N, C-alpha and C. Protein backbone atom coordinates (compact mmCIF):
# COMPACT_ATOMS: atom_id res chain seq x y z
N UNK A 1 0.83 -1.21 0.00
CA UNK A 1 0.00 0.00 0.00
C UNK A 1 0.87 1.26 0.00
N UNK A 2 1.93 1.22 0.81
CA UNK A 2 2.84 2.36 0.88
C UNK A 2 3.51 2.60 -0.46
N UNK A 3 3.94 1.50 -1.12
CA UNK A 3 4.60 1.63 -2.42
C UNK A 3 3.65 2.23 -3.45
N UNK A 4 2.38 1.83 -3.39
CA UNK A 4 1.40 2.39 -4.33
C UNK A 4 1.22 3.88 -4.12
N UNK A 5 1.23 4.31 -2.85
CA UNK A 5 1.11 5.74 -2.56
C UNK A 5 2.32 6.50 -3.08
N UNK A 6 3.50 5.89 -2.95
CA UNK A 6 4.72 6.52 -3.45
C UNK A 6 4.66 6.68 -4.96
N UNK A 7 4.27 5.58 -5.66
CA UNK A 7 4.16 5.63 -7.13
C UNK A 7 3.13 6.68 -7.56
N UNK A 8 2.00 6.71 -6.89
CA UNK A 8 0.97 7.69 -7.21
C UNK A 8 1.52 9.11 -7.01
N UNK A 9 2.25 9.31 -5.93
CA UNK A 9 2.84 10.62 -5.66
C UNK A 9 3.81 11.03 -6.76
N UNK A 10 4.66 10.08 -7.21
CA UNK A 10 5.65 10.41 -8.23
C UNK A 10 4.99 10.71 -9.58
N UNK A 11 3.99 9.92 -9.96
CA UNK A 11 3.30 10.19 -11.22
C UNK A 11 2.57 11.53 -11.17
N UNK A 12 1.94 11.84 -10.05
CA UNK A 12 1.25 13.11 -9.91
C UNK A 12 2.24 14.27 -9.89
N UNK A 13 3.42 14.04 -9.32
CA UNK A 13 4.45 15.07 -9.31
C UNK A 13 4.86 15.42 -10.74
N UNK A 14 5.10 14.38 -11.56
CA UNK A 14 5.45 14.61 -12.96
C UNK A 14 4.35 15.38 -13.68
N UNK A 15 3.11 14.98 -13.43
CA UNK A 15 1.98 15.62 -14.12
C UNK A 15 1.87 17.10 -13.73
N UNK A 16 1.99 17.39 -12.44
CA UNK A 16 1.88 18.78 -11.98
C UNK A 16 3.04 19.63 -12.47
N UNK A 17 4.24 19.02 -12.55
CA UNK A 17 5.43 19.79 -12.93
C UNK A 17 5.54 19.96 -14.44
N UNK A 18 5.25 18.89 -15.22
CA UNK A 18 5.51 18.92 -16.66
C UNK A 18 4.25 18.86 -17.52
N UNK A 19 3.11 18.56 -16.91
CA UNK A 19 1.88 18.50 -17.69
C UNK A 19 1.91 17.41 -18.74
N UNK A 20 1.41 17.72 -19.91
CA UNK A 20 1.26 16.73 -20.98
C UNK A 20 2.62 16.21 -21.45
N UNK A 21 3.69 17.00 -21.24
CA UNK A 21 5.02 16.57 -21.68
C UNK A 21 5.45 15.29 -20.97
N UNK A 22 4.99 15.07 -19.75
CA UNK A 22 5.34 13.86 -19.00
C UNK A 22 4.75 12.61 -19.64
N UNK A 23 3.71 12.79 -20.45
CA UNK A 23 3.04 11.65 -21.09
C UNK A 23 3.48 11.44 -22.53
N UNK A 24 4.50 12.17 -22.97
CA UNK A 24 4.91 12.09 -24.37
C UNK A 24 5.21 10.67 -24.84
N UNK A 25 6.04 9.89 -24.13
CA UNK A 25 6.29 8.52 -24.62
C UNK A 25 5.04 7.66 -24.68
N UNK A 26 4.11 7.87 -23.73
CA UNK A 26 2.87 7.10 -23.74
C UNK A 26 2.04 7.46 -24.97
N UNK A 27 1.97 8.76 -25.27
CA UNK A 27 1.21 9.19 -26.45
C UNK A 27 1.87 8.69 -27.73
N UNK A 28 3.20 8.79 -27.80
CA UNK A 28 3.93 8.28 -28.97
C UNK A 28 3.71 6.78 -29.11
N UNK A 29 3.75 6.06 -27.98
CA UNK A 29 3.51 4.62 -28.00
C UNK A 29 2.13 4.30 -28.57
N UNK A 30 1.11 5.03 -28.12
CA UNK A 30 -0.25 4.77 -28.58
C UNK A 30 -0.38 5.00 -30.09
N UNK A 31 0.23 6.09 -30.58
CA UNK A 31 0.18 6.38 -32.01
C UNK A 31 0.88 5.28 -32.81
N UNK A 32 2.09 4.89 -32.36
CA UNK A 32 2.84 3.86 -33.06
C UNK A 32 2.16 2.50 -32.97
N UNK A 33 1.57 2.21 -31.82
CA UNK A 33 0.90 0.92 -31.64
C UNK A 33 -0.33 0.83 -32.55
N UNK A 34 -1.12 1.89 -32.60
CA UNK A 34 -2.29 1.89 -33.49
C UNK A 34 -1.84 1.75 -34.94
N UNK A 35 -0.75 2.45 -35.31
CA UNK A 35 -0.24 2.34 -36.67
C UNK A 35 0.25 0.94 -36.98
N UNK A 36 0.91 0.31 -35.99
CA UNK A 36 1.40 -1.06 -36.20
C UNK A 36 0.25 -2.05 -36.33
N UNK A 37 -0.78 -1.87 -35.52
CA UNK A 37 -1.93 -2.77 -35.57
C UNK A 37 -2.68 -2.64 -36.89
N UNK A 38 -2.66 -1.44 -37.46
CA UNK A 38 -3.36 -1.22 -38.74
C UNK A 38 -2.44 -1.38 -39.94
N UNK A 39 -1.22 -1.89 -39.68
CA UNK A 39 -0.24 -2.14 -40.75
C UNK A 39 0.13 -0.87 -41.51
N UNK A 40 0.13 0.26 -40.81
CA UNK A 40 0.52 1.52 -41.45
C UNK A 40 2.03 1.76 -41.38
N UNK A 41 2.73 0.99 -40.55
CA UNK A 41 4.17 1.18 -40.41
C UNK A 41 4.89 0.37 -41.48
N UNK A 42 5.58 1.07 -42.36
CA UNK A 42 6.35 0.39 -43.40
C UNK A 42 7.77 0.07 -42.93
N UNK A 43 8.23 0.73 -41.89
CA UNK A 43 9.57 0.46 -41.36
C UNK A 43 9.48 0.50 -39.84
N UNK A 44 8.81 -0.51 -39.28
CA UNK A 44 8.50 -0.50 -37.86
C UNK A 44 9.70 -0.42 -36.95
N UNK A 45 10.74 -1.23 -37.21
CA UNK A 45 11.90 -1.25 -36.33
C UNK A 45 12.61 0.10 -36.35
N UNK A 46 12.72 0.69 -37.53
CA UNK A 46 13.35 2.01 -37.63
C UNK A 46 12.55 3.06 -36.86
N UNK A 47 11.24 2.96 -36.89
CA UNK A 47 10.40 3.90 -36.16
C UNK A 47 10.62 3.78 -34.66
N UNK A 48 10.82 2.55 -34.19
CA UNK A 48 11.02 2.34 -32.75
C UNK A 48 12.26 3.08 -32.27
N UNK A 49 13.38 2.92 -32.98
CA UNK A 49 14.60 3.54 -32.45
C UNK A 49 14.82 4.98 -32.88
N UNK A 50 14.07 5.45 -33.86
CA UNK A 50 14.22 6.87 -34.22
C UNK A 50 13.14 7.76 -33.61
N UNK A 51 12.07 7.17 -33.11
CA UNK A 51 10.98 7.97 -32.54
C UNK A 51 10.72 7.60 -31.08
N UNK A 52 10.41 6.34 -30.82
CA UNK A 52 10.01 5.95 -29.47
C UNK A 52 11.17 6.08 -28.47
N UNK A 53 12.32 5.53 -28.79
CA UNK A 53 13.45 5.58 -27.86
C UNK A 53 13.91 7.01 -27.58
N UNK A 54 14.05 7.89 -28.60
CA UNK A 54 14.40 9.29 -28.28
C UNK A 54 13.36 9.98 -27.40
N UNK A 55 12.08 9.67 -27.60
CA UNK A 55 11.03 10.27 -26.76
C UNK A 55 11.15 9.82 -25.31
N UNK A 56 11.45 8.56 -25.11
CA UNK A 56 11.65 8.05 -23.76
C UNK A 56 12.83 8.76 -23.10
N UNK A 57 13.94 8.87 -23.83
CA UNK A 57 15.13 9.53 -23.29
C UNK A 57 14.84 10.99 -22.96
N UNK A 58 14.13 11.66 -23.84
CA UNK A 58 13.82 13.08 -23.62
C UNK A 58 12.96 13.26 -22.37
N UNK A 59 12.00 12.38 -22.16
CA UNK A 59 11.12 12.49 -20.99
C UNK A 59 11.89 12.23 -19.69
N UNK A 60 12.80 11.26 -19.71
CA UNK A 60 13.62 11.01 -18.52
C UNK A 60 14.52 12.21 -18.24
N UNK A 61 15.08 12.81 -19.30
CA UNK A 61 15.87 14.03 -19.12
C UNK A 61 15.03 15.14 -18.52
N UNK A 62 13.81 15.29 -19.00
CA UNK A 62 12.91 16.31 -18.49
C UNK A 62 12.66 16.11 -17.00
N UNK A 63 12.50 14.86 -16.60
CA UNK A 63 12.22 14.55 -15.19
C UNK A 63 13.44 14.83 -14.31
N UNK A 64 14.63 14.52 -14.83
CA UNK A 64 15.83 14.59 -14.00
C UNK A 64 16.59 15.91 -14.09
N UNK A 65 16.24 16.77 -15.05
CA UNK A 65 17.09 17.93 -15.30
C UNK A 65 17.25 18.88 -14.10
N UNK A 66 16.27 18.99 -13.16
CA UNK A 66 16.54 19.86 -11.99
C UNK A 66 17.73 19.39 -11.15
N UNK A 67 18.04 18.08 -11.20
CA UNK A 67 19.16 17.56 -10.42
C UNK A 67 20.51 18.06 -10.92
N UNK A 68 20.55 18.46 -12.20
CA UNK A 68 21.83 18.86 -12.79
C UNK A 68 22.07 20.36 -12.72
N UNK A 69 21.14 21.10 -12.16
CA UNK A 69 21.33 22.53 -12.02
C UNK A 69 22.34 22.82 -10.92
N UNK A 70 23.00 23.95 -11.03
CA UNK A 70 24.03 24.33 -10.05
C UNK A 70 23.43 24.38 -8.65
N UNK A 71 24.11 23.73 -7.72
CA UNK A 71 23.65 23.73 -6.33
C UNK A 71 22.75 22.57 -5.98
N UNK A 72 22.30 21.83 -6.98
CA UNK A 72 21.37 20.74 -6.71
C UNK A 72 22.06 19.57 -6.01
N UNK A 73 23.38 19.45 -6.19
CA UNK A 73 24.08 18.31 -5.61
C UNK A 73 23.92 18.27 -4.09
N UNK A 74 23.94 19.42 -3.46
CA UNK A 74 23.88 19.46 -2.01
C UNK A 74 22.44 19.57 -1.48
N UNK A 75 21.47 19.62 -2.38
CA UNK A 75 20.08 19.74 -1.94
C UNK A 75 19.23 18.61 -2.52
N UNK A 76 18.91 18.72 -3.81
CA UNK A 76 18.00 17.76 -4.42
C UNK A 76 18.57 16.36 -4.53
N UNK A 77 19.86 16.24 -4.90
CA UNK A 77 20.45 14.92 -5.12
C UNK A 77 20.42 14.08 -3.86
N UNK A 78 20.74 14.69 -2.73
CA UNK A 78 20.76 13.94 -1.48
C UNK A 78 19.37 13.41 -1.13
N UNK A 79 18.33 14.19 -1.43
CA UNK A 79 16.97 13.73 -1.18
C UNK A 79 16.53 12.70 -2.21
N UNK A 80 16.97 12.90 -3.46
CA UNK A 80 16.52 12.01 -4.54
C UNK A 80 17.06 10.60 -4.39
N UNK A 81 18.18 10.45 -3.67
CA UNK A 81 18.73 9.11 -3.47
C UNK A 81 17.71 8.17 -2.83
N UNK A 82 16.80 8.72 -2.07
CA UNK A 82 15.78 7.90 -1.42
C UNK A 82 14.75 7.37 -2.41
N UNK A 83 14.62 8.06 -3.55
CA UNK A 83 13.56 7.72 -4.50
C UNK A 83 14.08 7.10 -5.80
N UNK A 84 15.40 7.05 -5.98
CA UNK A 84 15.93 6.72 -7.29
C UNK A 84 15.52 5.33 -7.76
N UNK A 85 15.47 4.34 -6.84
CA UNK A 85 15.11 2.99 -7.26
C UNK A 85 13.63 2.88 -7.58
N UNK A 86 12.81 3.63 -6.88
CA UNK A 86 11.38 3.66 -7.20
C UNK A 86 11.17 4.29 -8.56
N UNK A 87 11.88 5.38 -8.81
CA UNK A 87 11.80 6.04 -10.11
C UNK A 87 12.27 5.12 -11.22
N UNK A 88 13.41 4.45 -11.00
CA UNK A 88 13.93 3.54 -12.01
C UNK A 88 12.93 2.42 -12.29
N UNK A 89 12.28 1.93 -11.23
CA UNK A 89 11.29 0.87 -11.40
C UNK A 89 10.09 1.31 -12.21
N UNK A 90 9.60 2.51 -11.96
CA UNK A 90 8.40 2.94 -12.69
C UNK A 90 8.75 3.28 -14.14
N UNK A 91 9.93 3.86 -14.38
CA UNK A 91 10.34 4.12 -15.76
C UNK A 91 10.47 2.80 -16.51
N UNK A 92 11.07 1.82 -15.86
CA UNK A 92 11.24 0.51 -16.50
C UNK A 92 9.88 -0.11 -16.80
N UNK A 93 8.98 -0.05 -15.84
CA UNK A 93 7.66 -0.66 -16.01
C UNK A 93 6.89 -0.03 -17.17
N UNK A 94 6.86 1.30 -17.22
CA UNK A 94 6.07 2.00 -18.23
C UNK A 94 6.74 1.96 -19.60
N UNK A 95 8.01 2.34 -19.66
CA UNK A 95 8.66 2.50 -20.95
C UNK A 95 9.12 1.18 -21.55
N UNK A 96 9.70 0.30 -20.72
CA UNK A 96 10.09 -1.00 -21.24
C UNK A 96 8.86 -1.83 -21.60
N UNK A 97 7.81 -1.67 -20.80
CA UNK A 97 6.56 -2.34 -21.14
C UNK A 97 6.03 -1.89 -22.49
N UNK A 98 6.06 -0.58 -22.74
CA UNK A 98 5.64 -0.06 -24.03
C UNK A 98 6.51 -0.57 -25.16
N UNK A 99 7.81 -0.64 -24.91
CA UNK A 99 8.75 -1.13 -25.93
C UNK A 99 8.45 -2.59 -26.29
N UNK A 100 8.23 -3.42 -25.27
CA UNK A 100 7.96 -4.84 -25.50
C UNK A 100 6.67 -5.02 -26.30
N UNK A 101 5.62 -4.30 -25.92
CA UNK A 101 4.34 -4.42 -26.61
C UNK A 101 4.47 -3.95 -28.06
N UNK A 102 5.16 -2.84 -28.26
CA UNK A 102 5.33 -2.29 -29.61
C UNK A 102 6.12 -3.25 -30.48
N UNK A 103 7.23 -3.77 -29.95
CA UNK A 103 8.05 -4.70 -30.72
C UNK A 103 7.28 -6.00 -30.99
N UNK A 104 6.52 -6.47 -30.00
CA UNK A 104 5.73 -7.69 -30.19
C UNK A 104 4.71 -7.51 -31.30
N UNK A 105 4.11 -6.34 -31.38
CA UNK A 105 3.12 -6.07 -32.43
C UNK A 105 3.78 -6.02 -33.80
N UNK A 106 4.92 -5.35 -33.88
CA UNK A 106 5.62 -5.22 -35.17
C UNK A 106 6.15 -6.57 -35.64
N UNK A 107 6.70 -7.34 -34.69
CA UNK A 107 7.31 -8.63 -35.04
C UNK A 107 6.32 -9.79 -34.98
N UNK A 108 5.07 -9.49 -34.63
CA UNK A 108 4.03 -10.51 -34.51
C UNK A 108 4.45 -11.60 -33.53
N UNK A 109 4.97 -11.16 -32.39
CA UNK A 109 5.36 -12.00 -31.26
C UNK A 109 6.61 -12.86 -31.52
N UNK A 110 7.21 -12.71 -32.68
CA UNK A 110 8.41 -13.50 -32.99
C UNK A 110 9.66 -12.64 -32.76
N UNK A 111 10.09 -12.55 -31.50
CA UNK A 111 11.25 -11.72 -31.18
C UNK A 111 12.54 -12.28 -31.77
N UNK A 112 12.55 -13.57 -32.06
CA UNK A 112 13.74 -14.17 -32.64
C UNK A 112 13.92 -13.80 -34.11
N UNK A 113 12.94 -13.09 -34.69
CA UNK A 113 13.05 -12.68 -36.09
C UNK A 113 14.15 -11.63 -36.28
N UNK A 114 14.55 -10.98 -35.19
CA UNK A 114 15.62 -9.98 -35.26
C UNK A 114 16.88 -10.52 -34.60
N UNK A 115 18.04 -10.16 -35.13
CA UNK A 115 19.29 -10.53 -34.45
C UNK A 115 19.36 -9.88 -33.06
N UNK A 116 20.02 -10.55 -32.13
CA UNK A 116 20.17 -10.03 -30.77
C UNK A 116 20.86 -8.67 -30.77
N UNK A 117 21.69 -8.43 -31.80
CA UNK A 117 22.42 -7.16 -31.89
C UNK A 117 21.47 -5.97 -31.98
N UNK A 118 20.29 -6.17 -32.56
CA UNK A 118 19.32 -5.07 -32.68
C UNK A 118 18.86 -4.62 -31.29
N UNK A 119 18.62 -5.55 -30.41
CA UNK A 119 18.17 -5.20 -29.06
C UNK A 119 19.30 -4.52 -28.28
N UNK A 120 20.53 -4.98 -28.50
CA UNK A 120 21.68 -4.30 -27.89
C UNK A 120 21.77 -2.87 -28.40
N UNK A 121 21.54 -2.71 -29.70
CA UNK A 121 21.56 -1.37 -30.31
C UNK A 121 20.54 -0.46 -29.66
N UNK A 122 19.35 -0.95 -29.42
CA UNK A 122 18.29 -0.15 -28.82
C UNK A 122 18.66 0.28 -27.39
N UNK A 123 19.22 -0.65 -26.62
CA UNK A 123 19.65 -0.31 -25.26
C UNK A 123 20.73 0.75 -25.27
N UNK A 124 21.72 0.56 -26.15
CA UNK A 124 22.82 1.52 -26.24
C UNK A 124 22.32 2.89 -26.70
N UNK A 125 21.35 2.90 -27.63
CA UNK A 125 20.80 4.18 -28.09
C UNK A 125 20.15 4.95 -26.96
N UNK A 126 19.37 4.26 -26.14
CA UNK A 126 18.73 4.92 -25.00
C UNK A 126 19.78 5.49 -24.06
N UNK A 127 20.80 4.69 -23.74
CA UNK A 127 21.86 5.16 -22.85
C UNK A 127 22.62 6.33 -23.48
N UNK A 128 22.86 6.25 -24.80
CA UNK A 128 23.57 7.34 -25.47
C UNK A 128 22.79 8.64 -25.37
N UNK A 129 21.50 8.61 -25.68
CA UNK A 129 20.68 9.81 -25.59
C UNK A 129 20.69 10.37 -24.17
N UNK A 130 20.58 9.48 -23.18
CA UNK A 130 20.56 9.93 -21.79
C UNK A 130 21.88 10.58 -21.39
N UNK A 131 23.00 9.95 -21.76
CA UNK A 131 24.30 10.50 -21.37
C UNK A 131 24.65 11.76 -22.17
N UNK A 132 24.25 11.81 -23.45
CA UNK A 132 24.45 13.05 -24.21
C UNK A 132 23.66 14.18 -23.58
N UNK A 133 22.39 13.92 -23.26
CA UNK A 133 21.57 14.94 -22.60
C UNK A 133 22.13 15.34 -21.25
N UNK A 134 22.58 14.35 -20.49
CA UNK A 134 23.13 14.61 -19.16
C UNK A 134 24.39 15.47 -19.26
N UNK A 135 25.31 15.13 -20.16
CA UNK A 135 26.54 15.89 -20.28
C UNK A 135 26.27 17.30 -20.79
N UNK A 136 25.33 17.45 -21.73
CA UNK A 136 24.99 18.79 -22.22
C UNK A 136 24.38 19.66 -21.13
N UNK A 137 23.51 19.05 -20.32
CA UNK A 137 22.90 19.81 -19.23
C UNK A 137 23.94 20.20 -18.18
N UNK A 138 24.88 19.31 -17.92
CA UNK A 138 25.91 19.60 -16.91
C UNK A 138 26.88 20.67 -17.39
N UNK A 139 27.23 20.64 -18.67
CA UNK A 139 28.25 21.56 -19.17
C UNK A 139 27.67 22.89 -19.62
N UNK A 140 26.41 22.90 -20.10
CA UNK A 140 25.82 24.16 -20.58
C UNK A 140 24.87 24.79 -19.58
N UNK A 141 24.43 24.00 -18.57
CA UNK A 141 23.47 24.47 -17.57
C UNK A 141 22.10 24.78 -18.15
N UNK A 142 21.82 24.28 -19.35
CA UNK A 142 20.54 24.58 -20.00
C UNK A 142 19.91 23.30 -20.53
N UNK A 143 18.77 22.93 -19.98
CA UNK A 143 18.03 21.78 -20.48
C UNK A 143 17.57 22.03 -21.92
N UNK A 144 17.20 23.28 -22.21
CA UNK A 144 16.67 23.62 -23.53
C UNK A 144 17.72 23.38 -24.62
N UNK A 145 19.01 23.69 -24.33
CA UNK A 145 20.06 23.45 -25.31
C UNK A 145 20.21 21.96 -25.59
N UNK A 146 20.20 21.17 -24.52
CA UNK A 146 20.34 19.73 -24.67
C UNK A 146 19.19 19.16 -25.52
N UNK A 147 17.98 19.59 -25.20
CA UNK A 147 16.82 19.11 -25.94
C UNK A 147 16.88 19.53 -27.40
N UNK A 148 17.24 20.80 -27.66
CA UNK A 148 17.27 21.31 -29.03
C UNK A 148 18.31 20.57 -29.87
N UNK A 149 19.49 20.33 -29.30
CA UNK A 149 20.54 19.65 -30.04
C UNK A 149 20.16 18.21 -30.35
N UNK A 150 19.60 17.51 -29.37
CA UNK A 150 19.19 16.12 -29.58
C UNK A 150 18.06 16.05 -30.60
N UNK A 151 17.10 16.97 -30.50
CA UNK A 151 15.97 16.98 -31.43
C UNK A 151 16.45 17.28 -32.85
N UNK A 152 17.35 18.26 -33.00
CA UNK A 152 17.87 18.61 -34.32
C UNK A 152 18.63 17.44 -34.93
N UNK A 153 19.46 16.80 -34.12
CA UNK A 153 20.23 15.66 -34.61
C UNK A 153 19.30 14.55 -35.08
N UNK A 154 18.30 14.22 -34.27
CA UNK A 154 17.37 13.14 -34.61
C UNK A 154 16.62 13.45 -35.90
N UNK A 155 16.12 14.68 -36.01
CA UNK A 155 15.37 15.05 -37.22
C UNK A 155 16.24 15.01 -38.47
N UNK A 156 17.48 15.52 -38.37
CA UNK A 156 18.37 15.51 -39.52
C UNK A 156 18.74 14.08 -39.93
N UNK A 157 18.92 13.21 -38.94
CA UNK A 157 19.22 11.81 -39.24
C UNK A 157 18.04 11.16 -39.97
N UNK A 158 16.83 11.45 -39.51
CA UNK A 158 15.65 10.85 -40.14
C UNK A 158 15.47 11.38 -41.55
N UNK A 159 15.61 12.68 -41.73
CA UNK A 159 15.41 13.30 -43.05
C UNK A 159 16.45 12.80 -44.05
N UNK A 160 17.72 12.73 -43.62
CA UNK A 160 18.79 12.31 -44.52
C UNK A 160 19.01 10.80 -44.50
N UNK A 161 18.26 10.09 -43.65
CA UNK A 161 18.39 8.65 -43.48
C UNK A 161 19.83 8.25 -43.18
N UNK A 162 20.46 9.02 -42.31
CA UNK A 162 21.80 8.71 -41.85
C UNK A 162 22.89 8.86 -42.88
N UNK A 163 22.71 9.78 -43.82
CA UNK A 163 23.71 9.99 -44.86
C UNK A 163 24.05 11.48 -44.96
N UNK A 164 25.13 11.74 -45.65
CA UNK A 164 25.55 13.09 -46.04
C UNK A 164 26.14 13.93 -44.90
N UNK A 165 25.52 13.92 -43.73
CA UNK A 165 25.97 14.80 -42.66
C UNK A 165 27.30 14.32 -42.06
N UNK A 166 28.24 15.25 -41.81
CA UNK A 166 29.60 14.86 -41.37
C UNK A 166 29.69 14.63 -39.87
N UNK A 167 28.96 13.67 -39.35
CA UNK A 167 29.04 13.31 -37.94
C UNK A 167 28.72 11.82 -37.80
N UNK A 168 28.98 11.24 -36.65
CA UNK A 168 28.68 9.81 -36.47
C UNK A 168 27.18 9.54 -36.59
N UNK A 169 26.84 8.53 -37.37
CA UNK A 169 25.43 8.16 -37.55
C UNK A 169 25.12 6.96 -36.65
N UNK A 170 24.07 7.07 -35.85
CA UNK A 170 23.78 6.04 -34.84
C UNK A 170 22.51 5.25 -35.14
N UNK A 171 21.69 5.72 -36.07
CA UNK A 171 20.47 4.99 -36.42
C UNK A 171 20.73 4.05 -37.59
N UNK A 172 19.93 2.99 -37.67
CA UNK A 172 20.05 2.03 -38.76
C UNK A 172 18.81 2.12 -39.65
N UNK A 173 19.01 2.54 -40.89
CA UNK A 173 17.88 2.68 -41.82
C UNK A 173 17.87 1.57 -42.87
N UNK A 174 18.91 0.76 -42.90
CA UNK A 174 19.00 -0.35 -43.84
C UNK A 174 18.41 -1.60 -43.19
N UNK A 175 17.63 -2.36 -43.95
CA UNK A 175 17.02 -3.58 -43.42
C UNK A 175 18.00 -4.74 -43.31
N UNK A 176 19.18 -4.58 -43.87
CA UNK A 176 20.19 -5.64 -43.79
C UNK A 176 20.87 -5.59 -42.42
N UNK A 177 20.30 -6.28 -41.46
CA UNK A 177 20.77 -6.21 -40.08
C UNK A 177 21.93 -7.15 -39.79
N UNK A 178 22.34 -7.94 -40.77
CA UNK A 178 23.51 -8.80 -40.60
C UNK A 178 24.74 -8.22 -41.28
N UNK A 179 24.60 -7.04 -41.84
CA UNK A 179 25.71 -6.38 -42.52
C UNK A 179 26.79 -6.01 -41.50
N UNK A 180 28.08 -6.30 -41.81
CA UNK A 180 29.16 -5.90 -40.90
C UNK A 180 29.18 -4.41 -40.61
N UNK A 181 28.68 -3.59 -41.55
CA UNK A 181 28.61 -2.15 -41.31
C UNK A 181 27.66 -1.82 -40.17
N UNK A 182 26.61 -2.62 -40.03
CA UNK A 182 25.69 -2.41 -38.91
C UNK A 182 26.37 -2.75 -37.59
N UNK A 183 27.14 -3.81 -37.60
CA UNK A 183 27.87 -4.18 -36.39
C UNK A 183 28.84 -3.08 -35.97
N UNK A 184 29.52 -2.49 -36.94
CA UNK A 184 30.45 -1.40 -36.62
C UNK A 184 29.70 -0.18 -36.12
N UNK A 185 28.47 0.03 -36.62
CA UNK A 185 27.67 1.17 -36.14
C UNK A 185 27.27 0.98 -34.68
N UNK A 186 26.88 -0.24 -34.33
CA UNK A 186 26.53 -0.51 -32.93
C UNK A 186 27.75 -0.32 -32.02
N UNK A 187 28.91 -0.74 -32.50
CA UNK A 187 30.14 -0.54 -31.73
C UNK A 187 30.42 0.95 -31.55
N UNK A 188 30.16 1.73 -32.60
CA UNK A 188 30.35 3.18 -32.52
C UNK A 188 29.41 3.79 -31.48
N UNK A 189 28.17 3.32 -31.47
CA UNK A 189 27.22 3.82 -30.47
C UNK A 189 27.72 3.50 -29.06
N UNK A 190 28.28 2.30 -28.88
CA UNK A 190 28.82 1.92 -27.58
C UNK A 190 29.98 2.83 -27.16
N UNK A 191 30.87 3.13 -28.10
CA UNK A 191 32.01 4.01 -27.80
C UNK A 191 31.53 5.42 -27.45
N UNK A 192 30.56 5.94 -28.21
CA UNK A 192 30.03 7.27 -27.93
C UNK A 192 29.33 7.31 -26.57
N UNK A 193 28.64 6.22 -26.22
CA UNK A 193 27.97 6.15 -24.92
C UNK A 193 28.99 6.25 -23.79
N UNK A 194 30.08 5.49 -23.91
CA UNK A 194 31.14 5.54 -22.90
C UNK A 194 31.77 6.92 -22.84
N UNK A 195 31.98 7.54 -24.01
CA UNK A 195 32.58 8.87 -24.06
C UNK A 195 31.74 9.90 -23.32
N UNK A 196 30.44 9.94 -23.62
CA UNK A 196 29.58 10.94 -22.99
C UNK A 196 29.32 10.61 -21.52
N UNK A 197 29.32 9.32 -21.18
CA UNK A 197 29.23 8.95 -19.77
C UNK A 197 30.45 9.47 -19.02
N UNK A 198 31.62 9.38 -19.65
CA UNK A 198 32.83 9.91 -19.04
C UNK A 198 32.79 11.41 -18.87
N UNK A 199 32.29 12.13 -19.90
CA UNK A 199 32.16 13.59 -19.80
C UNK A 199 31.23 13.99 -18.67
N UNK A 200 30.14 13.24 -18.53
CA UNK A 200 29.20 13.52 -17.43
C UNK A 200 29.86 13.26 -16.08
N UNK A 201 30.60 12.16 -16.00
CA UNK A 201 31.26 11.82 -14.76
C UNK A 201 32.30 12.86 -14.35
N UNK A 202 33.05 13.36 -15.34
CA UNK A 202 34.05 14.40 -15.05
C UNK A 202 33.39 15.64 -14.48
N UNK A 203 32.28 16.05 -15.09
CA UNK A 203 31.60 17.26 -14.63
C UNK A 203 31.01 17.06 -13.23
N UNK A 204 30.46 15.89 -12.97
CA UNK A 204 29.93 15.61 -11.64
C UNK A 204 31.04 15.59 -10.61
N UNK A 205 32.19 15.04 -10.97
CA UNK A 205 33.33 15.00 -10.06
C UNK A 205 33.83 16.41 -9.75
N UNK A 206 33.81 17.29 -10.75
CA UNK A 206 34.23 18.67 -10.53
C UNK A 206 33.30 19.40 -9.58
N UNK A 207 32.04 19.03 -9.60
CA UNK A 207 31.05 19.70 -8.74
C UNK A 207 31.13 19.24 -7.29
N UNK A 208 31.54 17.98 -7.10
CA UNK A 208 31.50 17.42 -5.76
C UNK A 208 32.61 17.97 -4.87
């Protein structure tokens, strides 16, 4: 009963603080799920990692960004330690649940139809977006800058389908998922994730 009250409090806190923005991944999930059920998605897997996963990352950034503001380490962070596992649990329940349902609909319950590397890619993409957002918020002190840069990057990648632009491409738009080039792309995402995690760690260490 106590845990239910805590979860209710946290969900209501998000709603009061962020309004409809807190429900963005849920709304995106509903749109994509309806499209998948009606066979409107021509590239379902690509839609999952270029739309759903970035929306999840953006919402988590929105929820956590007050912790990265100057002075929060000695105030909010110490209090948030009491709630972090509850928060992690509810994010996992809602967002991973949405991911599983969406992928099950697209793959028609045959998860083995995709190489295991695809699921690794999705996990790394979520972590990459989170650490990129975290490092940008820590170094620029502006959540809006982090959001704008991530949104611009995602849109340009989708429009150009991961071509032409002179930066590392992290999305996979080719259906050939056994191509060695795809494997190298996933490795690149892993390296970038470690890099931005390190940048975030350095900034947090400087603050402490």
